[in-house]
Amino acid sequence: MNNRRLQGGQWEKLAESILNKRGLRTLERNYNSRFGEIDLIMMDGQTLVFAEVRYRRDSAHGSGAESVTFTKQKRITRAAQRFLQHHQHHTSLACRFDVVSIGTEEGRVLFNWVRNAFDAV
């Protein structure tokens, strides 16, 4: 496993931990389908949350949330549709697409959770 992938997994674990502390419950990590990957699938009350975790060492090229392009949104949306096809018991729930942006500045970890970051495309 390459170093970048390993670091990404560590940031995803941090994001999951913070979201758990804020009341979300983890259903699945790193859900893969032929359409793409979803970093975290969680429950926020009665809402199913598909979360993309993005890490940026610095914000010179935009925030992690800004790096979720329309193409990436389409992949996440299609992967979420596939998840729902295989988990029929969740199809009646409201769904939401969140982006968790993590960065570092002067040795501090910055966490930005964008709820409803984009709509299904």
PDB file of N, CA and C in Angstrom:
ATOM      1  N   MET A   1       0.860  -1.182   0.000  1.00  0.00           N
ATOM      2  CA  MET A   1       0.000   0.000   0.000  1.00  0.00           C
ATOM      3  C   MET A   1       0.901   1.239   0.000  1.00  0.00           C
ATOM      4  N   ASN A   2       0.584   2.191  -0.875  1.00  0.00           N
ATOM      5  CA  ASN A   2       1.451   3.364  -0.937  1.00  0.00           C
ATOM      6  C   ASN A   2       1.190   4.317   0.228  1.00  0.00           C
ATOM      7  N   ASN A   3       2.160   5.176   0.474  1.00  0.00           N
ATOM      8  CA  ASN A   3       2.135   6.085   1.613  1.00  0.00           C
ATOM      9  C   ASN A   3       0.931   7.030   1.562  1.00  0.00           C
ATOM     10  N   ARG A   4       0.608   7.528   0.374  1.00  0.00           N
ATOM     11  CA  ARG A   4      -0.500   8.464   0.221  1.00  0.00           C
ATOM     12  C   ARG A   4      -1.840   7.812   0.590  1.00  0.00           C
ATOM     13  N   ARG A   5      -2.010   6.560   0.165  1.00  0.00           N
ATOM     14  CA  ARG A   5      -3.243   5.826   0.479  1.00  0.00           C
ATOM     15  C   ARG A   5      -3.344   5.564   1.976  1.00  0.00           C
ATOM     16  N   LEU A   6      -2.201   5.228   2.580  1.00  0.00           N
ATOM     17  CA  LEU A   6      -2.160   4.984   4.021  1.00  0.00           C
ATOM     18  C   LEU A   6      -2.524   6.245   4.794  1.00  0.00           C
ATOM     19  N   GLN A   7      -1.961   7.384   4.382  1.00  0.00           N
ATOM     20  CA  GLN A   7      -2.279   8.650   5.040  1.00  0.00           C
ATOM     21  C   GLN A   7      -3.761   8.992   4.858  1.00  0.00           C
ATOM     22  N   GLY A   8      -4.284   8.750   3.660  1.00  0.00           N
ATOM     23  CA  GLY A   8      -5.703   9.008   3.412  1.00  0.00           C
ATOM     24  C   GLY A   8      -6.589   8.209   4.347  1.00  0.00           C
ATOM     25  N   GLY A   9      -6.219   6.958   4.570  1.00  0.00           N
ATOM     26  CA  GLY A   9      -6.975   6.118   5.501  1.00  0.00           C
ATOM     27  C   GLY A   9      -6.949   6.666   6.920  1.00  0.00           C
ATOM     28  N   GLN A  10      -5.815   7.232   7.309  1.00  0.00           N
ATOM     29  CA  GLN A  10      -5.712   7.813   8.649  1.00  0.00           C
ATOM     30  C   GLN A  10      -6.607   9.048   8.786  1.00  0.00           C
ATOM     31  N   TRP A  11      -6.651   9.879   7.740  1.00  0.00           N
ATOM     32  CA  TRP A  11      -7.519  11.060   7.788  1.00  0.00           C
ATOM     33  C   TRP A  11      -8.987  10.637   7.789  1.00  0.00           C
ATOM     34  N   GLU A  12      -9.321   9.580   7.050  1.00  0.00           N
ATOM     35  CA  GLU A  12     -10.699   9.085   7.047  1.00  0.00           C
ATOM     36  C   GLU A  12     -11.093   8.571   8.429  1.00  0.00           C
ATOM     37  N   LYS A  13     -10.173   7.889   9.111  1.00  0.00           N
ATOM     38  CA  LYS A  13     -10.463   7.411  10.466  1.00  0.00           C
ATOM     39  C   LYS A  13     -10.687   8.580  11.415  1.00  0.00           C
ATOM     40  N   LEU A  14      -9.878   9.642  11.267  1.00  0.00           N
ATOM     41  CA  LEU A  14     -10.056  10.830  12.102  1.00  0.00           C
ATOM     42  C   LEU A  14     -11.423  11.454  11.840  1.00  0.00           C
ATOM     43  N   ALA A  15     -11.782  11.599  10.563  1.00  0.00           N
ATOM     44  CA  ALA A  15     -13.088  12.179  10.217  1.00  0.00           C
ATOM     45  C   ALA A  15     -14.216  11.333  10.790  1.00  0.00           C
ATOM     46  N   GLU A  16     -14.107  10.023  10.658  1.00  0.00           N
ATOM     47  CA  GLU A  16     -15.134   9.125  11.194  1.00  0.00           C
ATOM     48  C   GLU A  16     -15.279   9.293  12.697  1.00  0.00           C
ATOM     49  N   SER A  17     -14.161   9.367  13.385  1.00  0.00           N
ATOM     50  CA  SER A  17     -14.180   9.532  14.839  1.00  0.00           C
ATOM     51  C   SER A  17     -14.868  10.835  15.240  1.00  0.00           C
ATOM     52  N   ILE A  18     -14.541  11.909  14.547  1.00  0.00           N
ATOM     53  CA  ILE A  18     -15.149  13.201  14.868  1.00  0.00           C
ATOM     54  C   ILE A  18     -16.651  13.169  14.588  1.00  0.00           C
ATOM     55  N   LEU A  19     -17.039  12.584  13.454  1.00  0.00           N
ATOM     56  CA  LEU A  19     -18.471  12.500  13.129  1.00  0.00           C
ATOM     57  C   LEU A  19     -19.208  11.609  14.118  1.00  0.00           C
ATOM     58  N   ASN A  20     -18.576  10.513  14.553  1.00  0.00           N
ATOM     59  CA  ASN A  20     -19.185   9.664  15.575  1.00  0.00           C
ATOM     60  C   ASN A  20     -19.430  10.453  16.861  1.00  0.00           C
ATOM     61  N   LYS A  21     -18.455  11.280  17.238  1.00  0.00           N
ATOM     62  CA  LYS A  21     -18.602  12.097  18.447  1.00  0.00           C
ATOM     63  C   LYS A  21     -19.705  13.130  18.292  1.00  0.00           C
ATOM     64  N   ARG A  22     -20.024  13.479  17.055  1.00  0.00           N
ATOM     65  CA  ARG A  22     -21.096  14.445  16.793  1.00  0.00           C
ATOM     66  C   ARG A  22     -22.436  13.760  16.547  1.00  0.00           C
ATOM     67  N   GLY A  23     -22.489  12.458  16.829  1.00  0.00           N
ATOM     68  CA  GLY A  23     -23.767  11.752  16.823  1.00  0.00           C
ATOM     69  C   GLY A  23     -24.064  10.881  15.618  1.00  0.00           C
ATOM     70  N   LEU A  24     -23.194  10.842  14.624  1.00  0.00           N
ATOM     71  CA  LEU A  24     -23.428   9.984  13.470  1.00  0.00           C
ATOM     72  C   LEU A  24     -22.970   8.567  13.793  1.00  0.00           C
ATOM     73  N   ARG A  25     -23.620   7.604  13.164  1.00  0.00           N
ATOM     74  CA  ARG A  25     -23.294   6.195  13.379  1.00  0.00           C
ATOM     75  C   ARG A  25     -22.779   5.612  12.066  1.00  0.00           C
ATOM     76  N   THR A  26     -21.638   4.970  12.124  1.00  0.00           N
ATOM     77  CA  THR A  26     -21.014   4.408  10.930  1.00  0.00           C
ATOM     78  C   THR A  26     -21.721   3.138  10.490  1.00  0.00           C
ATOM     79  N   LEU A  27     -22.071   3.080   9.205  1.00  0.00           N
ATOM     80  CA  LEU A  27     -22.609   1.866   8.616  1.00  0.00           C
ATOM     81  C   LEU A  27     -21.544   1.128   7.811  1.00  0.00           C
ATOM     82  N   GLU A  28     -20.750   1.899   7.071  1.00  0.00           N
ATOM     83  CA  GLU A  28     -19.751   1.264   6.209  1.00  0.00           C
ATOM     84  C   GLU A  28     -18.620   2.246   5.908  1.00  0.00           C
ATOM     85  N   ARG A  29     -17.417   1.693   5.757  1.00  0.00           N
ATOM     86  CA  ARG A  29     -16.234   2.468   5.384  1.00  0.00           C
ATOM     87  C   ARG A  29     -15.758   2.002   4.020  1.00  0.00           C
ATOM     88  N   ASN A  30     -15.298   2.923   3.210  1.00  0.00           N
ATOM     89  CA  ASN A  30     -14.698   2.611   1.914  1.00  0.00           C
ATOM     90  C   ASN A  30     -15.551   1.652   1.085  1.00  0.00           C
ATOM     91  N   TYR A  31     -16.810   2.046   0.899  1.00  0.00           N
ATOM     92  CA  TYR A  31     -17.716   1.253   0.068  1.00  0.00           C
ATOM     93  C   TYR A  31     -17.285   1.393  -1.390  1.00  0.00           C
ATOM     94  N   ASN A  32     -17.041   0.264  -2.044  1.00  0.00           N
ATOM     95  CA  ASN A  32     -16.611   0.261  -3.438  1.00  0.00           C
ATOM     96  C   ASN A  32     -17.673  -0.368  -4.325  1.00  0.00           C
ATOM     97  N   SER A  33     -17.893   0.266  -5.447  1.00  0.00           N
ATOM     98  CA  SER A  33     -18.715  -0.319  -6.504  1.00  0.00           C
ATOM     99  C   SER A  33     -17.985  -0.049  -7.810  1.00  0.00           C
ATOM    100  N   ARG A  34     -18.501  -0.567  -8.891  1.00  0.00           N
ATOM    101  CA  ARG A  34     -17.853  -0.322 -10.177  1.00  0.00           C
ATOM    102  C   ARG A  34     -17.943   1.147 -10.580  1.00  0.00           C
ATOM    103  N   PHE A  35     -18.781   1.899  -9.894  1.00  0.00           N
ATOM    104  CA  PHE A  35     -18.953   3.323 -10.206  1.00  0.00           C
ATOM    105  C   PHE A  35     -18.004   4.219  -9.431  1.00  0.00           C
ATOM    106  N   GLY A  36     -17.492   3.725  -8.311  1.00  0.00           N
ATOM    107  CA  GLY A  36     -16.602   4.540  -7.502  1.00  0.00           C
ATOM    108  C   GLY A  36     -16.642   4.130  -6.046  1.00  0.00           C
ATOM    109  N   GLU A  37     -15.985   4.921  -5.227  1.00  0.00           N
ATOM    110  CA  GLU A  37     -15.877   4.634  -3.805  1.00  0.00           C
ATOM    111  C   GLU A  37     -16.548   5.740  -2.992  1.00  0.00           C
ATOM    112  N   ILE A  38     -17.123   5.332  -1.876  1.00  0.00           N
ATOM    113  CA  ILE A  38     -17.654   6.282  -0.899  1.00  0.00           C
ATOM    114  C   ILE A  38     -16.854   6.060   0.381  1.00  0.00           C
ATOM    115  N   ASP A  39     -16.253   7.131   0.881  1.00  0.00           N
ATOM    116  CA  ASP A  39     -15.373   7.001   2.041  1.00  0.00           C
ATOM    117  C   ASP A  39     -16.122   6.515   3.274  1.00  0.00           C
ATOM    118  N   LEU A  40     -17.233   7.172   3.598  1.00  0.00           N
ATOM    119  CA  LEU A  40     -18.001   6.806   4.789  1.00  0.00           C
ATOM    120  C   LEU A  40     -19.496   6.826   4.466  1.00  0.00           C
ATOM    121  N   ILE A  41     -20.192   5.806   4.934  1.00  0.00           N
ATOM    122  CA  ILE A  41     -21.657   5.790   4.868  1.00  0.00           C
ATOM    123  C   ILE A  41     -22.119   5.728   6.314  1.00  0.00           C
ATOM    124  N   MET A  42     -22.927   6.719   6.707  1.00  0.00           N
ATOM    125  CA  MET A  42     -23.288   6.878   8.106  1.00  0.00           C
ATOM    126  C   MET A  42     -24.767   7.202   8.250  1.00  0.00           C
ATOM    127  N   MET A  43     -25.262   7.076   9.460  1.00  0.00           N
ATOM    128  CA  MET A  43     -26.613   7.500   9.786  1.00  0.00           C
ATOM    129  C   MET A  43     -26.531   8.731  10.676  1.00  0.00           C
ATOM    130  N   ASP A  44     -27.314   9.749  10.317  1.00  0.00           N
ATOM    131  CA  ASP A  44     -27.453  10.954  11.129  1.00  0.00           C
ATOM    132  C   ASP A  44     -28.931  11.036  11.464  1.00  0.00           C
ATOM    133  N   GLY A  45     -29.297  10.460  12.607  1.00  0.00           N
ATOM    134  CA  GLY A  45     -30.718  10.320  12.928  1.00  0.00           C
ATOM    135  C   GLY A  45     -31.338   9.358  11.937  1.00  0.00           C
ATOM    136  N   GLN A  46     -32.336   9.832  11.187  1.00  0.00           N
ATOM    137  CA  GLN A  46     -32.996   9.008  10.173  1.00  0.00           C
ATOM    138  C   GLN A  46     -32.527   9.350   8.760  1.00  0.00           C
ATOM    139  N   THR A  47     -31.389  10.016   8.649  1.00  0.00           N
ATOM    140  CA  THR A  47     -30.840  10.404   7.347  1.00  0.00           C
ATOM    141  C   THR A  47     -29.596   9.576   7.045  1.00  0.00           C
ATOM    142  N   LEU A  48     -29.575   9.011   5.845  1.00  0.00           N
ATOM    143  CA  LEU A  48     -28.416   8.257   5.373  1.00  0.00           C
ATOM    144  C   LEU A  48     -27.425   9.251   4.773  1.00  0.00           C
ATOM    145  N   VAL A  49     -26.191   9.226   5.257  1.00  0.00           N
ATOM    146  CA  VAL A  49     -25.176  10.192   4.854  1.00  0.00           C
ATOM    147  C   VAL A  49     -24.064   9.485   4.087  1.00  0.00           C
ATOM    148  N   PHE A  50     -23.786   9.984   2.890  1.00  0.00           N
ATOM    149  CA  PHE A  50     -22.658   9.523   2.094  1.00  0.00           C
ATOM    150  C   PHE A  50     -21.600  10.625   2.194  1.00  0.00           C
ATOM    151  N   ALA A  51     -20.477  10.309   2.841  1.00  0.00           N
ATOM    152  CA  ALA A  51     -19.482  11.345   3.130  1.00  0.00           C
ATOM    153  C   ALA A  51     -18.183  11.112   2.369  1.00  0.00           C
ATOM    154  N   GLU A  52     -17.707  12.169   1.756  1.00  0.00           N
ATOM    155  CA  GLU A  52     -16.413  12.186   1.074  1.00  0.00           C
ATOM    156  C   GLU A  52     -15.439  12.929   1.979  1.00  0.00           C
ATOM    157  N   VAL A  53     -14.297  12.311   2.263  1.00  0.00           N
ATOM    158  CA  VAL A  53     -13.289  12.919   3.124  1.00  0.00           C
ATOM    159  C   VAL A  53     -12.146  13.405   2.240  1.00  0.00           C
ATOM    160  N   ARG A  54     -11.778  14.672   2.419  1.00  0.00           N
ATOM    161  CA  ARG A  54     -10.704  15.272   1.627  1.00  0.00           C
ATOM    162  C   ARG A  54      -9.688  15.914   2.556  1.00  0.00           C
ATOM    163  N   TYR A  55      -8.429  15.637   2.287  1.00  0.00           N
ATOM    164  CA  TYR A  55      -7.343  16.243   3.060  1.00  0.00           C
ATOM    165  C   TYR A  55      -6.556  17.176   2.150  1.00  0.00           C
ATOM    166  N   ARG A  56      -6.224  18.336   2.671  1.00  0.00           N
ATOM    167  CA  ARG A  56      -5.366  19.284   1.966  1.00  0.00           C
ATOM    168  C   ARG A  56      -4.302  19.772   2.934  1.00  0.00           C
ATOM    169  N   ARG A  57      -3.057  19.631   2.515  1.00  0.00           N
ATOM    170  CA  ARG A  57      -1.936  20.083   3.352  1.00  0.00           C
ATOM    171  C   ARG A  57      -1.991  21.592   3.528  1.00  0.00           C
ATOM    172  N   ASP A  58      -2.359  22.297   2.443  1.00  0.00           N
ATOM    173  CA  ASP A  58      -2.555  23.749   2.534  1.00  0.00           C
ATOM    174  C   ASP A  58      -3.685  24.128   1.589  1.00  0.00           C
ATOM    175  N   SER A  59      -4.167  25.327   1.746  1.00  0.00           N
ATOM    176  CA  SER A  59      -5.346  25.751   0.975  1.00  0.00           C
ATOM    177  C   SER A  59      -4.979  26.562  -0.264  1.00  0.00           C
ATOM    178  N   ALA A  60      -3.734  26.492  -0.691  1.00  0.00           N
ATOM    179  CA  ALA A  60      -3.298  27.268  -1.854  1.00  0.00           C
ATOM    180  C   ALA A  60      -4.085  26.921  -3.118  1.00  0.00           C
ATOM    181  N   HIS A  61      -4.508  25.676  -3.218  1.00  0.00           N
ATOM    182  CA  HIS A  61      -5.273  25.239  -4.388  1.00  0.00           C
ATOM    183  C   HIS A  61      -6.735  24.986  -4.041  1.00  0.00           C
ATOM    184  N   GLY A  62      -7.222  25.626  -3.007  1.00  0.00           N
ATOM    185  CA  GLY A  62      -8.615  25.471  -2.599  1.00  0.00           C
ATOM    186  C   GLY A  62      -8.754  24.479  -1.452  1.00  0.00           C
ATOM    187  N   SER A  63      -9.922  24.478  -0.884  1.00  0.00           N
ATOM    188  CA  SER A  63     -10.198  23.587   0.245  1.00  0.00           C
ATOM    189  C   SER A  63     -10.477  22.175  -0.265  1.00  0.00           C
ATOM    190  N   GLY A  64     -10.502  21.247   0.657  1.00  0.00           N
ATOM    191  CA  GLY A  64     -10.854  19.881   0.301  1.00  0.00           C
ATOM    192  C   GLY A  64     -12.249  19.799  -0.284  1.00  0.00           C
ATOM    193  N   ALA A  65     -13.171  20.573   0.275  1.00  0.00           N
ATOM    194  CA  ALA A  65     -14.547  20.569  -0.226  1.00  0.00           C
ATOM    195  C   ALA A  65     -14.607  21.084  -1.660  1.00  0.00           C
ATOM    196  N   GLU A  66     -13.795  22.067  -1.975  1.00  0.00           N
ATOM    197  CA  GLU A  66     -13.779  22.618  -3.333  1.00  0.00           C
ATOM    198  C   GLU A  66     -13.192  21.644  -4.344  1.00  0.00           C
ATOM    199  N   SER A  67     -12.457  20.654  -3.859  1.00  0.00           N
ATOM    200  CA  SER A  67     -11.827  19.692  -4.768  1.00  0.00           C
ATOM    201  C   SER A  67     -12.769  18.573  -5.209  1.00  0.00           C
ATOM    202  N   VAL A  68     -13.984  18.561  -4.683  1.00  0.00           N
ATOM    203  CA  VAL A  68     -14.959  17.549  -5.099  1.00  0.00           C
ATOM    204  C   VAL A  68     -15.658  18.076  -6.350  1.00  0.00           C
ATOM    205  N   THR A  69     -15.103  17.708  -7.489  1.00  0.00           N
ATOM    206  CA  THR A  69     -15.585  18.199  -8.781  1.00  0.00           C
ATOM    207  C   THR A  69     -16.934  17.590  -9.143  1.00  0.00           C
ATOM    208  N   PHE A  70     -17.533  18.134 -10.188  1.00  0.00           N
ATOM    209  CA  PHE A  70     -18.792  17.593 -10.683  1.00  0.00           C
ATOM    210  C   PHE A  70     -18.630  16.117 -11.070  1.00  0.00           C
ATOM    211  N   THR A  71     -17.513  15.779 -11.690  1.00  0.00           N
ATOM    212  CA  THR A  71     -17.254  14.384 -12.077  1.00  0.00           C
ATOM    213  C   THR A  71     -17.187  13.492 -10.845  1.00  0.00           C
ATOM    214  N   LYS A  72     -16.510  13.947  -9.796  1.00  0.00           N
ATOM    215  CA  LYS A  72     -16.430  13.179  -8.552  1.00  0.00           C
ATOM    216  C   LYS A  72     -17.810  13.058  -7.916  1.00  0.00           C
ATOM    217  N   GLN A  73     -18.602  14.124  -7.966  1.00  0.00           N
ATOM    218  CA  GLN A  73     -19.961  14.081  -7.433  1.00  0.00           C
ATOM    219  C   GLN A  73     -20.793  13.022  -8.151  1.00  0.00           C
ATOM    220  N   LYS A  74     -20.640  12.945  -9.474  1.00  0.00           N
ATOM    221  CA  LYS A  74     -21.374  11.930 -10.245  1.00  0.00           C
ATOM    222  C   LYS A  74     -20.958  10.523  -9.824  1.00  0.00           C
ATOM    223  N   ARG A  75     -19.674  10.302  -9.627  1.00  0.00           N
ATOM    224  CA  ARG A  75     -19.203   8.980  -9.194  1.00  0.00           C
ATOM    225  C   ARG A  75     -19.773   8.609  -7.828  1.00  0.00           C
ATOM    226  N   ILE A  76     -19.738   9.562  -6.910  1.00  0.00           N
ATOM    227  CA  ILE A  76     -20.261   9.302  -5.565  1.00  0.00           C
ATOM    228  C   ILE A  76     -21.761   9.028  -5.638  1.00  0.00           C
ATOM    229  N   THR A  77     -22.480   9.812  -6.424  1.00  0.00           N
ATOM    230  CA  THR A  77     -23.921   9.625  -6.572  1.00  0.00           C
ATOM    231  C   THR A  77     -24.243   8.243  -7.129  1.00  0.00           C
ATOM    232  N   ARG A  78     -23.521   7.839  -8.151  1.00  0.00           N
ATOM    233  CA  ARG A  78     -23.765   6.515  -8.747  1.00  0.00           C
ATOM    234  C   ARG A  78     -23.407   5.396  -7.775  1.00  0.00           C
ATOM    235  N   ALA A  79     -22.335   5.559  -7.038  1.00  0.00           N
ATOM    236  CA  ALA A  79     -21.971   4.557  -6.033  1.00  0.00           C
ATOM    237  C   ALA A  79     -23.044   4.492  -4.941  1.00  0.00           C
ATOM    238  N   ALA A  80     -23.601   5.645  -4.572  1.00  0.00           N
ATOM    239  CA  ALA A  80     -24.677   5.679  -3.567  1.00  0.00           C
ATOM    240  C   ALA A  80     -25.923   4.963  -4.098  1.00  0.00           C
ATOM    241  N   GLN A  81     -26.235   5.160  -5.355  1.00  0.00           N
ATOM    242  CA  GLN A  81     -27.379   4.457  -5.958  1.00  0.00           C
ATOM    243  C   GLN A  81     -27.160   2.949  -5.920  1.00  0.00           C
ATOM    244  N   ARG A  82     -25.936   2.526  -6.217  1.00  0.00           N
ATOM    245  CA  ARG A  82     -25.605   1.095  -6.167  1.00  0.00           C
ATOM    246  C   ARG A  82     -25.748   0.570  -4.738  1.00  0.00           C
ATOM    247  N   PHE A  83     -25.272   1.343  -3.762  1.00  0.00           N
ATOM    248  CA  PHE A  83     -25.409   0.939  -2.362  1.00  0.00           C
ATOM    249  C   PHE A  83     -26.884   0.731  -2.026  1.00  0.00           C
ATOM    250  N   LEU A  84     -27.728   1.663  -2.441  1.00  0.00           N
ATOM    251  CA  LEU A  84     -29.161   1.558  -2.143  1.00  0.00           C
ATOM    252  C   LEU A  84     -29.804   0.362  -2.849  1.00  0.00           C
ATOM    253  N   GLN A  85     -29.332   0.026  -4.041  1.00  0.00           N
ATOM    254  CA  GLN A  85     -29.846  -1.155  -4.739  1.00  0.00           C
ATOM    255  C   GLN A  85     -29.542  -2.432  -3.962  1.00  0.00           C
ATOM    256  N   HIS A  86     -28.393  -2.455  -3.307  1.00  0.00           N
ATOM    257  CA  HIS A  86     -27.990  -3.643  -2.549  1.00  0.00           C
ATOM    258  C   HIS A  86     -28.439  -3.611  -1.085  1.00  0.00           C
ATOM    259  N   HIS A  87     -28.960  -2.500  -0.648  1.00  0.00           N
ATOM    260  CA  HIS A  87     -29.434  -2.348   0.734  1.00  0.00           C
ATOM    261  C   HIS A  87     -30.841  -1.743   0.692  1.00  0.00           C
ATOM    262  N   GLN A  88     -31.768  -2.527   0.194  1.00  0.00           N
ATOM    263  CA  GLN A  88     -33.142  -2.065  -0.038  1.00  0.00           C
ATOM    264  C   GLN A  88     -33.794  -1.471   1.221  1.00  0.00           C
ATOM    265  N   HIS A  89     -33.420  -1.953   2.394  1.00  0.00           N
ATOM    266  CA  HIS A  89     -34.036  -1.464   3.634  1.00  0.00           C
ATOM    267  C   HIS A  89     -33.709   0.008   3.908  1.00  0.00           C
ATOM    268  N   HIS A  90     -32.760   0.596   3.179  1.00  0.00           N
ATOM    269  CA  HIS A  90     -32.413   2.008   3.355  1.00  0.00           C
ATOM    270  C   HIS A  90     -33.095   2.927   2.330  1.00  0.00           C
ATOM    271  N   THR A  91     -33.806   2.359   1.368  1.00  0.00           N
ATOM    272  CA  THR A  91     -34.329   3.180   0.271  1.00  0.00           C
ATOM    273  C   THR A  91     -35.402   4.180   0.705  1.00  0.00           C
ATOM    274  N   SER A  92     -36.041   3.956   1.834  1.00  0.00           N
ATOM    275  CA  SER A  92     -37.076   4.889   2.284  1.00  0.00           C
ATOM    276  C   SER A  92     -36.503   6.064   3.080  1.00  0.00           C
ATOM    277  N   LEU A  93     -35.205   6.036   3.345  1.00  0.00           N
ATOM    278  CA  LEU A  93     -34.582   7.093   4.143  1.00  0.00           C
ATOM    279  C   LEU A  93     -34.209   8.303   3.285  1.00  0.00           C
ATOM    280  N   ALA A  94     -34.206   9.454   3.920  1.00  0.00           N
ATOM    281  CA  ALA A  94     -33.653  10.647   3.268  1.00  0.00           C
ATOM    282  C   ALA A  94     -32.151  10.444   3.145  1.00  0.00           C
ATOM    283  N   CYS A  95     -31.571  10.943   2.060  1.00  0.00           N
ATOM    284  CA  CYS A  95     -30.129  10.808   1.829  1.00  0.00           C
ATOM    285  C   CYS A  95     -29.488  12.185   1.723  1.00  0.00           C
ATOM    286  N   ARG A  96     -28.222  12.220   2.103  1.00  0.00           N
ATOM    287  CA  ARG A  96     -27.484  13.473   2.067  1.00  0.00           C
ATOM    288  C   ARG A  96     -26.043  13.187   1.659  1.00  0.00           C
ATOM    289  N   PHE A  97     -25.449  14.135   0.927  1.00  0.00           N
ATOM    290  CA  PHE A  97     -24.052  14.019   0.515  1.00  0.00           C
ATOM    291  C   PHE A  97     -23.253  15.096   1.234  1.00  0.00           C
ATOM    292  N   ASP A  98     -22.343  14.663   2.094  1.00  0.00           N
ATOM    293  CA  ASP A  98     -21.514  15.571   2.876  1.00  0.00           C
ATOM    294  C   ASP A  98     -20.067  15.489   2.404  1.00  0.00           C
ATOM    295  N   VAL A  99     -19.329  16.551   2.653  1.00  0.00           N
ATOM    296  CA  VAL A  99     -17.887  16.547   2.421  1.00  0.00           C
ATOM    297  C   VAL A  99     -17.218  16.970   3.722  1.00  0.00           C
ATOM    298  N   VAL A 100     -16.243  16.180   4.134  1.00  0.00           N
ATOM    299  CA  VAL A 100     -15.449  16.504   5.307  1.00  0.00           C
ATOM    300  C   VAL A 100     -14.076  16.917   4.804  1.00  0.00           C
ATOM    301  N   SER A 101     -13.725  18.157   5.071  1.00  0.00           N
ATOM    302  CA  SER A 101     -12.450  18.712   4.626  1.00  0.00           C
ATOM    303  C   SER A 101     -11.531  18.829   5.835  1.00  0.00           C
ATOM    304  N   ILE A 102     -10.348  18.238   5.702  1.00  0.00           N
ATOM    305  CA  ILE A 102      -9.371  18.275   6.785  1.00  0.00           C
ATOM    306  C   ILE A 102      -8.097  18.922   6.257  1.00  0.00           C
ATOM    307  N   GLY A 103      -7.547  19.807   7.042  1.00  0.00           N
ATOM    308  CA  GLY A 103      -6.301  20.452   6.668  1.00  0.00           C
ATOM    309  C   GLY A 103      -5.432  20.633   7.894  1.00  0.00           C
ATOM    310  N   THR A 104      -4.236  21.094   7.675  1.00  0.00           N
ATOM    311  CA  THR A 104      -3.346  21.392   8.788  1.00  0.00           C
ATOM    312  C   THR A 104      -2.784  22.790   8.599  1.00  0.00           C
ATOM    313  N   GLU A 105      -2.634  23.479   9.704  1.00  0.00           N
ATOM    314  CA  GLU A 105      -2.082  24.828   9.681  1.00  0.00           C
ATOM    315  C   GLU A 105      -1.318  25.039  10.977  1.00  0.00           C
ATOM    316  N   GLU A 106      -0.045  25.329  10.842  1.00  0.00           N
ATOM    317  CA  GLU A 106       0.815  25.572  12.002  1.00  0.00           C
ATOM    318  C   GLU A 106       0.701  24.457  13.034  1.00  0.00           C
ATOM    319  N   GLY A 107       0.667  23.215  12.543  1.00  0.00           N
ATOM    320  CA  GLY A 107       0.621  22.064  13.434  1.00  0.00           C
ATOM    321  C   GLY A 107      -0.754  21.727  13.983  1.00  0.00           C
ATOM    322  N   ARG A 108      -1.744  22.522  13.633  1.00  0.00           N
ATOM    323  CA  ARG A 108      -3.107  22.258  14.104  1.00  0.00           C
ATOM    324  C   ARG A 108      -3.902  21.570  12.995  1.00  0.00           C
ATOM    325  N   VAL A 109      -4.811  20.704  13.389  1.00  0.00           N
ATOM    326  CA  VAL A 109      -5.701  20.060  12.420  1.00  0.00           C
ATOM    327  C   VAL A 109      -6.966  20.900  12.321  1.00  0.00           C
ATOM    328  N   LEU A 110      -7.312  21.255  11.095  1.00  0.00           N
ATOM    329  CA  LEU A 110      -8.531  22.027  10.829  1.00  0.00           C
ATOM    330  C   LEU A 110      -9.568  21.090  10.237  1.00  0.00           C
ATOM    331  N   PHE A 111     -10.777  21.129  10.765  1.00  0.00           N
ATOM    332  CA  PHE A 111     -11.851  20.221  10.375  1.00  0.00           C
ATOM    333  C   PHE A 111     -13.044  21.047   9.911  1.00  0.00           C
ATOM    334  N   ASN A 112     -13.513  20.785   8.707  1.00  0.00           N
ATOM    335  CA  ASN A 112     -14.685  21.490   8.185  1.00  0.00           C
ATOM    336  C   ASN A 112     -15.655  20.463   7.612  1.00  0.00           C
ATOM    337  N   TRP A 113     -16.819  20.376   8.220  1.00  0.00           N
ATOM    338  CA  TRP A 113     -17.847  19.418   7.825  1.00  0.00           C
ATOM    339  C   TRP A 113     -18.930  20.175   7.060  1.00  0.00           C
ATOM    340  N   VAL A 114     -19.063  19.895   5.775  1.00  0.00           N
ATOM    341  CA  VAL A 114     -20.063  20.552   4.950  1.00  0.00           C
ATOM    342  C   VAL A 114     -21.217  19.584   4.730  1.00  0.00           C
ATOM    343  N   ARG A 115     -22.318  19.847   5.426  1.00  0.00           N
ATOM    344  CA  ARG A 115     -23.519  19.027   5.254  1.00  0.00           C
ATOM    345  C   ARG A 115     -24.216  19.453   3.960  1.00  0.00           C
ATOM    346  N   ASN A 116     -24.818  18.487   3.277  1.00  0.00           N
ATOM    347  CA  ASN A 116     -25.507  18.784   2.020  1.00  0.00           C
ATOM    348  C   ASN A 116     -24.582  19.538   1.056  1.00  0.00           C
ATOM    349  N   ALA A 117     -23.366  19.052   0.925  1.00  0.00           N
ATOM    350  CA  ALA A 117     -22.366  19.718   0.095  1.00  0.00           C
ATOM    351  C   ALA A 117     -22.777  19.763  -1.379  1.00  0.00           C
ATOM    352  N   PHE A 118     -23.516  18.743  -1.810  1.00  0.00           N
ATOM    353  CA  PHE A 118     -24.015  18.721  -3.194  1.00  0.00           C
ATOM    354  C   PHE A 118     -25.245  17.820  -3.253  1.00  0.00           C
ATOM    355  N   ASP A 119     -26.006  18.008  -4.323  1.00  0.00           N
ATOM    356  CA  ASP A 119     -27.189  17.178  -4.556  1.00  0.00           C
ATOM    357  C   ASP A 119     -26.820  16.014  -5.478  1.00  0.00           C
ATOM    358  N   ALA A 120     -27.626  14.997  -5.468  1.00  0.00           N
ATOM    359  CA  ALA A 120     -27.413  13.865  -6.369  1.00  0.00           C
ATOM    360  C   ALA A 120     -27.450  14.375  -7.807  1.00  0.00           C
ATOM    361  N   VAL A 121     -26.474  13.925  -8.591  1.00  0.00           N
ATOM    362  CA  VAL A 121     -26.393  14.350  -9.991  1.00  0.00           C
ATOM    363  C   VAL A 121     -26.488  13.165 -10.922  1.00  0.00           C
TER     364      VAL A 121
END
